[in-house]
Amino acid sequence: MARQKRPKRVRPRRTRQGAVGRWVRQHPIAVWYVSASAVAAVLYAVAAPLEAVQYGAPVLVALLITAARFGAIVLAVRFPLSAAMLFAAASVVVRWSPAPNGLPWPWTVTTMVGFVALVLIVWARHGWLRGLIVYAVPAVSVSALAAIEFDARSLSGFIVAVSVGAVAAGAAALLRERARLGRALTKEREVSEAEQERRLVSEERQRIARELHDVVAHGLSLIQVQATSARYRLQDVPDDAAAEFDDIAASARTSLAEMRHLLGALRGDEQPAQHAPQPTIEDVGDLVADARRAGADASLTAVNLDSVPTAVSLTSYRIVQEALSNAIRHAPGTRVDIALHHDDGRLLIEVRNSAPAQPAPRASGSGHGLIGMRERAGLLGGTLTAGATDVGGYLIRAELPVESDGTGQSMTEDR
């Protein structure tokens, strides 16, 4: 049988917005620097000519002092206290002499905007203590100039600056708290998802272990019964051969008791023991028939399924059961083709559904179906792949190694 090409795995499309979001989360310092530099550049472009033209400052002094004053906004990202001192000193120097009548003084519009940006950055990035210092130093030093010319414009400038700075501090505190809660929530979500993943894998492993135990226990029970009854079923059994049969029976009983003890530990006290026979690959036909009666368009093709070991048979049934259930749940109304083929020491399982006529609503589920199928295949040394087909459907393909169990019996005889 020619090997079929493995289906291509569907990878999530990486959008530009997602890449930008990841870069922002990975480089927070760079984001702060870029934002602060943009604000500082805009304020410098507006304030430098304003100081030289409207307030009569020498051009060189206006360029240097304005650069120092708004460069403090960029400096505040890493050195908030130094930035506060630089901003206050530059503002006091450039506003030392009263401005011409009609112009704001000592708090100009650009000075207020720079003060708000400084407080916002420091309070949001470095916390309330440094934010309070950065708020107080420029407010006190610049407002002290109002004593030189105490009039209505200096008093109104002081009130507006202090009020706007307080609003900026409150907004920064809210942003900082929101960011902290967001980080904590993201961390808790990651921990919860990892814990849920471990729990699902553990539950699936326990279920697989219990089922494999039942298979092994069934075989050990047969060995014990055959070894115990050999001296009665066979005529003229020598004494040494009878003793050998007794030893085999005793070893089987001991192994069976240990396996049952392990099963009890895996199940836990709250889980009742299950004594019903485990399904096999021969029960896949009944599974497909039940799906048809439920309205599913399902077909089964089975080739050469004799002499499949019990563990492989049980795993095959579970894989088909989960794959068929997923197809019915996530792609209702589509045709599902199931193929089982035993050849060259391997069992090939394919469950393929056609493309749905319209996108199906997202079904709720635990999301560990594929995990369980891969765990089952991996425990037997097999592989399982799943992904969309070229025509819009979905394909689950498992390949399980089949080794002779030494009995030479078919699955029907094993049961």
Protein backbone atom coordinates (compact mmCIF):
# COMPACT_ATOMS: atom_id res chain seq x y z
CA MET A 1 0.00 0.00 0.00
CA ALA A 2 1.53 3.29 -1.08
CA ARG A 3 2.09 5.79 1.67
CA GLN A 4 -0.11 8.84 1.45
CA LYS A 5 1.22 12.31 1.86
CA ARG A 6 0.82 13.69 5.32
CA PRO A 7 -1.65 16.58 5.56
CA LYS A 8 -0.24 20.02 5.89
CA ARG A 9 -0.52 21.49 9.32
CA VAL A 10 -2.45 24.70 9.51
CA ARG A 11 -0.42 27.40 11.18
CA PRO A 12 -2.10 30.46 12.67
CA ARG A 13 -1.69 33.53 10.49
CA ARG A 14 0.49 36.13 12.11
CA THR A 15 -1.08 39.51 11.66
CA ARG A 16 0.81 42.78 11.68
CA GLN A 17 -1.14 43.92 14.73
CA GLY A 18 -0.09 40.77 16.60
CA ALA A 19 3.58 41.30 15.72
CA VAL A 20 3.42 44.92 16.90
CA GLY A 21 1.74 43.86 20.13
CA ARG A 22 4.43 41.25 20.83
CA TRP A 23 7.18 43.79 20.14
CA VAL A 24 5.58 46.29 22.50
CA ARG A 25 5.33 43.70 25.28
CA GLN A 26 8.92 42.58 24.76
CA HIS A 27 10.45 46.10 24.63
CA PRO A 28 8.61 48.32 27.16
CA ILE A 29 11.61 50.65 27.69
CA ALA A 30 11.85 51.33 23.99
CA VAL A 31 8.15 52.21 23.89
CA TRP A 32 8.59 54.67 26.74
CA TYR A 33 11.58 56.30 25.03
CA VAL A 34 9.81 56.56 21.68
CA SER A 35 6.70 58.12 23.25
CA ALA A 36 8.69 60.58 25.39
CA SER A 37 10.90 61.57 22.46
CA ALA A 38 7.89 62.24 20.25
CA VAL A 39 6.29 64.51 22.87
CA ALA A 40 9.58 66.30 23.53
CA ALA A 41 10.22 66.88 19.82
CA VAL A 42 6.77 68.40 19.25
CA LEU A 43 7.06 70.69 22.28
CA TYR A 44 10.57 71.77 21.30
CA ALA A 45 9.47 72.61 17.75
CA VAL A 46 6.70 74.83 19.13
CA ALA A 47 8.42 76.37 22.17
CA ALA A 48 11.82 77.30 20.70
CA PRO A 49 10.56 79.87 18.16
CA LEU A 50 7.90 81.04 20.65
CA GLU A 51 10.57 81.89 23.26
CA ALA A 52 12.66 83.78 20.71
CA VAL A 53 9.86 85.67 18.97
CA GLN A 54 7.16 86.26 21.59
CA TYR A 55 9.20 86.39 24.81
CA GLY A 56 12.28 88.11 23.34
CA ALA A 57 14.89 85.55 24.42
CA PRO A 58 18.14 85.35 22.42
CA VAL A 59 17.90 82.70 19.74
CA LEU A 60 20.79 80.61 21.06
CA VAL A 61 19.49 80.81 24.63
CA ALA A 62 15.99 79.88 23.50
CA LEU A 63 17.27 76.84 21.59
CA LEU A 64 19.52 75.57 24.39
CA ILE A 65 17.21 76.20 27.33
CA THR A 66 14.18 74.81 25.51
CA ALA A 67 16.16 71.70 24.52
CA ALA A 68 17.18 71.18 28.15
CA ARG A 69 13.66 71.75 29.43
CA PHE A 70 11.94 69.26 27.13
CA GLY A 71 14.89 66.88 27.00
CA ALA A 72 14.05 66.27 30.66
CA ILE A 73 10.92 64.44 29.45
CA VAL A 74 13.10 61.81 27.72
CA LEU A 75 15.49 61.71 30.69
CA ALA A 76 12.57 60.95 33.02
CA VAL A 77 12.19 57.46 31.56
CA ARG A 78 15.32 56.28 33.43
CA PHE A 79 16.28 59.15 35.78
CA PRO A 80 13.10 60.80 37.12
CA LEU A 81 14.68 62.94 39.89
CA SER A 82 17.39 64.33 37.62
CA ALA A 83 14.74 65.07 35.02
CA ALA A 84 12.67 67.02 37.57
CA MET A 85 15.66 69.12 38.56
CA LEU A 86 16.59 69.81 34.93
CA PHE A 87 13.04 70.77 33.97
CA ALA A 88 12.64 73.08 36.97
CA ALA A 89 16.04 74.76 36.44
CA ALA A 90 15.48 75.36 32.72
CA SER A 91 11.98 76.68 33.33
CA VAL A 92 13.18 79.08 36.03
CA VAL A 93 16.04 80.39 33.85
CA VAL A 94 13.88 81.05 30.82
CA ARG A 95 11.07 82.60 32.93
CA TRP A 96 13.24 84.62 35.35
CA SER A 97 12.21 87.97 33.94
CA PRO A 98 8.51 88.80 33.61
CA ALA A 99 7.01 88.38 30.18
CA PRO A 100 5.42 91.23 28.22
CA ASN A 101 1.87 92.06 29.17
CA GLY A 102 -0.75 89.78 27.67
CA LEU A 103 1.46 86.68 27.58
CA PRO A 104 1.15 83.81 30.09
CA TRP A 105 3.80 83.92 32.82
CA PRO A 106 5.54 82.06 34.50
CA TRP A 107 3.52 79.04 33.33
CA THR A 108 3.35 79.19 29.55
CA VAL A 109 1.23 76.73 27.58
CA THR A 110 4.23 74.70 26.44
CA THR A 111 5.62 74.64 30.00
CA MET A 112 2.31 73.30 31.32
CA VAL A 113 2.16 70.61 28.63
CA GLY A 114 5.77 69.59 29.34
CA PHE A 115 5.02 69.50 33.07
CA VAL A 116 1.98 67.27 32.50
CA ALA A 117 4.01 64.90 30.28
CA LEU A 118 6.80 64.76 32.87
CA VAL A 119 4.44 63.93 35.73
CA LEU A 120 2.51 61.40 33.64
CA ILE A 121 5.63 59.50 32.59
CA VAL A 122 7.28 59.41 36.01
CA TRP A 123 4.12 58.57 37.96
CA ALA A 124 3.10 55.82 35.53
CA ARG A 125 6.56 54.28 35.23
CA HIS A 126 8.24 54.84 38.61
CA GLY A 127 5.35 54.96 41.09
CA TRP A 128 3.75 57.49 43.34
CA LEU A 129 6.77 58.47 45.48
CA ARG A 130 9.01 59.62 42.64
CA GLY A 131 5.95 60.95 40.86
CA LEU A 132 5.08 63.13 43.85
CA ILE A 133 8.62 64.54 43.95
CA VAL A 134 8.61 65.26 40.24
CA TYR A 135 5.22 66.93 40.66
CA ALA A 136 6.33 69.09 43.59
CA VAL A 137 9.76 70.30 42.44
CA PRO A 138 8.73 72.12 39.21
CA ALA A 139 5.42 73.27 40.71
CA VAL A 140 7.13 74.97 43.67
CA SER A 141 10.16 76.37 41.82
CA VAL A 142 8.33 77.76 38.79
CA SER A 143 5.38 79.07 40.81
CA ALA A 144 7.79 80.86 43.16
CA LEU A 145 8.56 83.21 40.28
CA ALA A 146 5.03 84.53 40.59
CA ALA A 147 6.17 86.46 43.67
CA ILE A 148 8.21 88.72 41.40
CA GLU A 149 5.08 89.98 39.73
CA PHE A 150 2.09 88.85 41.69
CA ASP A 151 -0.90 89.52 39.47
CA ALA A 152 -3.90 87.78 38.01
CA ARG A 153 -2.03 86.03 35.19
CA SER A 154 0.64 84.54 37.50
CA LEU A 155 -2.01 83.38 39.99
CA SER A 156 -4.18 81.83 37.28
CA GLY A 157 -1.12 80.14 35.76
CA PHE A 158 -0.22 78.64 39.12
CA ILE A 159 -3.76 77.32 39.71
CA VAL A 160 -4.04 75.85 36.21
CA ALA A 161 -0.61 74.21 36.35
CA VAL A 162 -1.15 72.62 39.77
CA SER A 163 -4.63 71.42 38.83
CA VAL A 164 -3.60 69.97 35.47
CA GLY A 165 -0.58 68.29 37.07
CA ALA A 166 -2.80 66.69 39.71
CA VAL A 167 -5.15 65.36 37.03
CA ALA A 168 -2.14 63.95 35.13
CA ALA A 169 -0.89 62.29 38.32
CA GLY A 170 -4.27 60.67 38.94
CA ALA A 171 -4.52 59.42 35.37
CA ALA A 172 -0.98 58.02 35.54
CA ALA A 173 -1.78 56.22 38.79
CA LEU A 174 -4.82 54.59 37.18
CA LEU A 175 -2.79 53.56 34.13
CA ARG A 176 -0.06 52.08 36.33
CA GLU A 177 -2.58 50.10 38.37
CA ARG A 178 -4.33 48.87 35.26
CA ALA A 179 -1.03 47.72 33.77
CA ARG A 180 -0.15 45.92 37.01
CA LEU A 181 -3.50 44.14 37.09
CA GLY A 182 -3.12 43.23 33.41
CA ARG A 183 0.29 41.67 34.02
CA ALA A 184 -0.98 39.77 37.04
CA LEU A 185 -4.01 38.53 35.10
CA THR A 186 -1.83 37.41 32.18
CA LYS A 187 0.50 35.54 34.52
CA GLU A 188 -2.41 33.85 36.31
CA ARG A 189 -3.95 32.90 32.96
CA GLU A 190 -0.68 31.34 31.81
CA VAL A 191 -0.33 29.42 35.06
CA SER A 192 -3.95 28.26 34.86
CA GLU A 193 -3.59 27.12 31.25
CA ALA A 194 -0.37 25.24 32.03
CA GLU A 195 -1.99 23.59 35.06
CA GLN A 196 -5.07 22.64 33.05
CA GLU A 197 -2.85 21.20 30.31
CA ARG A 198 -0.96 19.09 32.85
CA ARG A 199 -4.21 17.94 34.44
CA LEU A 200 -5.73 16.94 31.11
CA VAL A 201 -2.62 15.02 30.11
CA SER A 202 -2.51 13.33 33.51
CA GLU A 203 -6.16 12.32 33.31
CA GLU A 204 -5.72 10.95 29.81
CA ARG A 205 -2.61 9.02 30.84
CA GLN A 206 -4.48 7.51 33.78
CA ARG A 207 -7.33 6.50 31.55
CA ILE A 208 -4.94 4.91 29.06
CA ALA A 209 -3.10 3.15 31.87
CA ARG A 210 -6.36 1.76 33.27
CA GLU A 211 -7.45 0.45 29.89
CA LEU A 212 -4.06 -1.08 29.13
CA HIS A 213 -4.12 -2.65 32.58
CA ASP A 214 -7.45 -4.26 31.80
CA VAL A 215 -5.96 -5.66 28.60
CA VAL A 216 -2.88 -7.03 30.39
CA ALA A 217 -4.98 -8.35 33.26
CA HIS A 218 -7.17 -10.20 30.78
CA GLY A 219 -4.11 -11.85 29.26
CA LEU A 220 -2.65 -12.77 32.64
CA SER A 221 -5.96 -14.28 33.70
CA LEU A 222 -5.93 -16.49 30.61
CA ILE A 223 -2.34 -17.55 31.31
CA GLN A 224 -3.22 -18.43 34.91
CA VAL A 225 -6.29 -20.44 33.94
CA GLN A 226 -4.48 -22.31 31.17
CA ALA A 227 -1.46 -23.07 33.36
CA THR A 228 -3.61 -24.21 36.30
CA SER A 229 -5.83 -26.45 34.21
CA ALA A 230 -3.04 -27.88 32.05
CA ARG A 231 -2.50 -30.99 34.22
CA TYR A 232 -6.23 -31.76 33.96
CA ARG A 233 -6.66 -30.95 30.27
CA LEU A 234 -3.58 -32.78 29.05
CA GLN A 235 -3.02 -36.49 29.56
CA ASP A 236 0.15 -38.01 31.02
CA VAL A 237 1.75 -34.70 32.05
CA PRO A 238 5.15 -35.38 33.67
CA ASP A 239 5.62 -34.20 37.22
CA ASP A 240 8.34 -31.68 36.28
CA ALA A 241 6.10 -30.21 33.55
CA ALA A 242 3.19 -30.00 35.98
CA ALA A 243 5.42 -28.19 38.48
CA GLU A 244 6.45 -25.78 35.72
CA PHE A 245 2.79 -25.08 34.94
CA ASP A 246 2.15 -24.43 38.64
CA ASP A 247 5.04 -21.94 38.74
CA ILE A 248 3.65 -20.16 35.68
CA ALA A 249 0.21 -19.96 37.27
CA ALA A 250 1.68 -18.61 40.53
CA SER A 251 3.68 -15.95 38.66
CA ALA A 252 0.57 -14.94 36.72
CA ARG A 253 -1.45 -14.62 39.93
CA THR A 254 1.25 -12.47 41.55
CA SER A 255 1.52 -10.20 38.52
CA LEU A 256 -2.25 -9.94 38.30
CA ALA A 257 -2.51 -8.89 41.95
CA GLU A 258 0.17 -6.23 41.47
CA MET A 259 -1.56 -4.89 38.38
CA ARG A 260 -4.88 -4.66 40.19
CA HIS A 261 -3.22 -2.84 43.06
CA LEU A 262 -1.75 -0.36 40.56
CA LEU A 263 -5.16 0.07 38.97
CA GLY A 264 -6.67 0.95 42.34
CA ALA A 265 -4.00 3.59 42.89
CA LEU A 266 -4.61 5.08 39.46
CA ARG A 267 -8.38 5.18 39.77
CA GLY A 268 -8.49 6.60 43.26
CA ASP A 269 -10.98 5.74 45.95
CA GLU A 270 -13.72 7.89 44.46
CA GLN A 271 -13.71 6.08 41.12
CA PRO A 272 -15.57 2.76 41.00
CA ALA A 273 -13.89 -0.16 39.29
CA GLN A 274 -14.95 -0.90 35.77
CA HIS A 275 -15.39 -4.57 34.89
CA ALA A 276 -17.04 -4.22 31.47
CA PRO A 277 -14.97 -5.60 28.56
CA GLN A 278 -12.97 -2.99 26.69
CA PRO A 279 -13.95 -2.23 23.08
CA THR A 280 -11.79 -3.49 20.24
CA ILE A 281 -11.21 -2.67 16.60
CA GLU A 282 -14.05 -5.01 15.68
CA ASP A 283 -16.45 -2.67 17.49
CA VAL A 284 -15.65 0.22 15.13
CA GLY A 285 -18.41 -1.02 12.82
CA ASP A 286 -20.96 -0.66 15.62
CA LEU A 287 -19.56 2.81 16.35
CA VAL A 288 -20.08 3.89 12.74
CA ALA A 289 -23.55 2.34 12.70
CA ASP A 290 -24.52 4.33 15.79
CA ALA A 291 -23.26 7.50 14.11
CA ARG A 292 -25.37 6.76 11.03
CA ARG A 293 -28.48 6.23 13.16
CA ALA A 294 -27.78 9.62 14.72
CA GLY A 295 -27.88 11.21 11.25
CA ALA A 296 -24.17 11.33 10.38
CA ASP A 297 -23.01 10.46 6.87
CA ALA A 298 -20.21 8.04 7.82
CA SER A 299 -18.57 5.16 5.97
CA LEU A 300 -16.08 2.49 7.05
CA THR A 301 -13.46 0.64 5.02
CA ALA A 302 -11.60 -2.09 6.91
CA VAL A 303 -8.91 -4.31 5.40
CA ASN A 304 -7.13 -7.29 7.02
CA LEU A 305 -7.87 -6.64 10.69
CA ASP A 306 -7.15 -10.17 11.91
CA SER A 307 -4.48 -10.84 14.51
CA VAL A 308 -4.23 -7.26 15.75
CA PRO A 309 -2.89 -7.24 19.34
CA THR A 310 -5.36 -6.27 22.02
CA ALA A 311 -3.59 -3.06 23.08
CA VAL A 312 -3.40 -1.83 19.47
CA SER A 313 -7.02 -2.82 18.94
CA LEU A 314 -8.22 -0.80 21.93
CA THR A 315 -6.13 2.22 20.94
CA SER A 316 -7.47 2.07 17.38
CA TYR A 317 -11.05 2.06 18.63
CA ARG A 318 -10.44 5.07 20.90
CA ILE A 319 -8.76 7.06 18.13
CA VAL A 320 -11.62 6.42 15.70
CA GLN A 321 -14.16 7.21 18.42
CA GLU A 322 -12.58 10.57 19.26
CA ALA A 323 -11.95 11.52 15.62
CA LEU A 324 -15.52 10.67 14.60
CA SER A 325 -16.90 12.61 17.55
CA ASN A 326 -14.78 15.65 16.62
CA ALA A 327 -15.95 15.52 12.99
CA ILE A 328 -19.60 15.39 14.01
CA ARG A 329 -19.18 18.17 16.57
CA HIS A 330 -17.03 20.62 14.61
CA ALA A 331 -18.17 19.88 11.03
CA PRO A 332 -21.81 18.80 11.21
CA GLY A 333 -23.42 17.65 7.99
CA THR A 334 -20.15 16.64 6.30
CA ARG A 335 -19.26 13.19 5.05
CA VAL A 336 -16.85 11.22 7.26
CA ASP A 337 -14.78 8.43 5.70
CA ILE A 338 -13.00 6.02 8.04
CA ALA A 339 -10.31 3.68 6.72
CA LEU A 340 -8.51 0.93 8.67
CA HIS A 341 -5.73 -1.02 6.96
CA HIS A 342 -3.37 -3.59 8.50
CA ASP A 343 -0.33 -4.31 6.36
CA ASP A 344 3.45 -4.78 6.70
CA GLY A 345 3.47 -4.75 10.49
CA ARG A 346 1.54 -1.53 10.88
CA LEU A 347 -2.04 -0.42 11.26
CA LEU A 348 -3.06 2.70 9.35
CA ILE A 349 -6.06 4.70 10.60
CA GLU A 350 -7.54 7.57 8.62
CA VAL A 351 -10.61 9.60 9.55
CA ARG A 352 -11.37 12.20 6.90
CA ASN A 353 -14.31 14.60 6.72
CA SER A 354 -15.27 16.71 3.73
CA ALA A 355 -15.41 20.50 3.69
CA PRO A 356 -18.48 21.93 5.47
CA ALA A 357 -21.01 23.80 3.35
CA GLN A 358 -20.70 26.79 5.67
CA PRO A 359 -18.46 27.59 8.64
CA ALA A 360 -19.74 25.74 11.68
CA PRO A 361 -20.17 27.62 14.97
CA ARG A 362 -17.30 27.20 17.35
CA ALA A 363 -18.05 24.22 19.55
CA SER A 364 -17.18 24.24 23.22
CA GLY A 365 -14.94 21.49 24.53
CA SER A 366 -11.98 20.71 26.75
CA GLY A 367 -9.59 20.75 23.82
CA HIS A 368 -7.68 17.62 24.84
CA GLY A 369 -9.05 15.21 22.22
CA LEU A 370 -5.99 15.48 19.97
CA ILE A 371 -3.73 15.36 23.01
CA GLY A 372 -5.33 12.09 24.11
CA MET A 373 -5.08 10.54 20.65
CA ARG A 374 -1.41 11.46 20.35
CA GLU A 375 -0.74 10.09 23.83
CA ARG A 376 -2.37 6.78 22.92
CA ALA A 377 -0.44 6.48 19.66
CA GLY A 378 2.82 7.51 21.32
CA LEU A 379 2.52 4.90 24.09
CA LEU A 380 2.47 2.19 21.43
CA GLY A 381 5.35 3.73 19.47
CA GLY A 382 3.09 5.13 16.76
CA THR A 383 2.44 8.56 15.30
CA LEU A 384 -0.62 10.71 14.76
CA THR A 385 -1.01 13.79 12.58
CA ALA A 386 -4.00 16.06 12.13
CA GLY A 387 -4.68 19.01 9.87
CA ALA A 388 -6.76 20.54 7.13
CA THR A 389 -6.80 18.99 3.68
CA ASP A 390 -6.28 20.79 0.39
CA VAL A 391 -10.01 20.66 -0.39
CA GLY A 392 -11.11 22.25 2.87
CA GLY A 393 -11.83 19.16 4.94
CA TYR A 394 -9.93 17.69 7.87
CA LEU A 395 -7.84 14.54 8.18
CA ILE A 396 -6.65 12.61 11.22
CA ARG A 397 -4.07 9.97 10.35
CA ALA A 398 -2.54 7.50 12.80
CA GLU A 399 0.04 4.83 12.15
CA LEU A 400 0.50 2.15 14.83
CA PRO A 401 3.12 -0.60 14.80
CA VAL A 402 1.59 -4.09 14.98
CA GLU A 403 3.69 -6.85 16.44
CA SER A 404 2.63 -10.42 16.92
CA ASP A 405 1.34 -11.10 20.42
CA GLY A 406 2.47 -14.68 20.24
CA THR A 407 -0.98 -16.17 20.49
CA GLY A 408 -1.70 -16.53 16.81
CA GLN A 409 -5.33 -15.77 17.61
CA SER A 410 -7.60 -13.26 15.99
CA MET A 411 -9.32 -10.49 17.90
CA THR A 412 -12.54 -12.45 18.00
CA GLU A 413 -10.82 -15.36 19.69
CA ASP A 414 -9.10 -13.04 22.19
CA ARG A 415 -12.45 -11.72 23.28
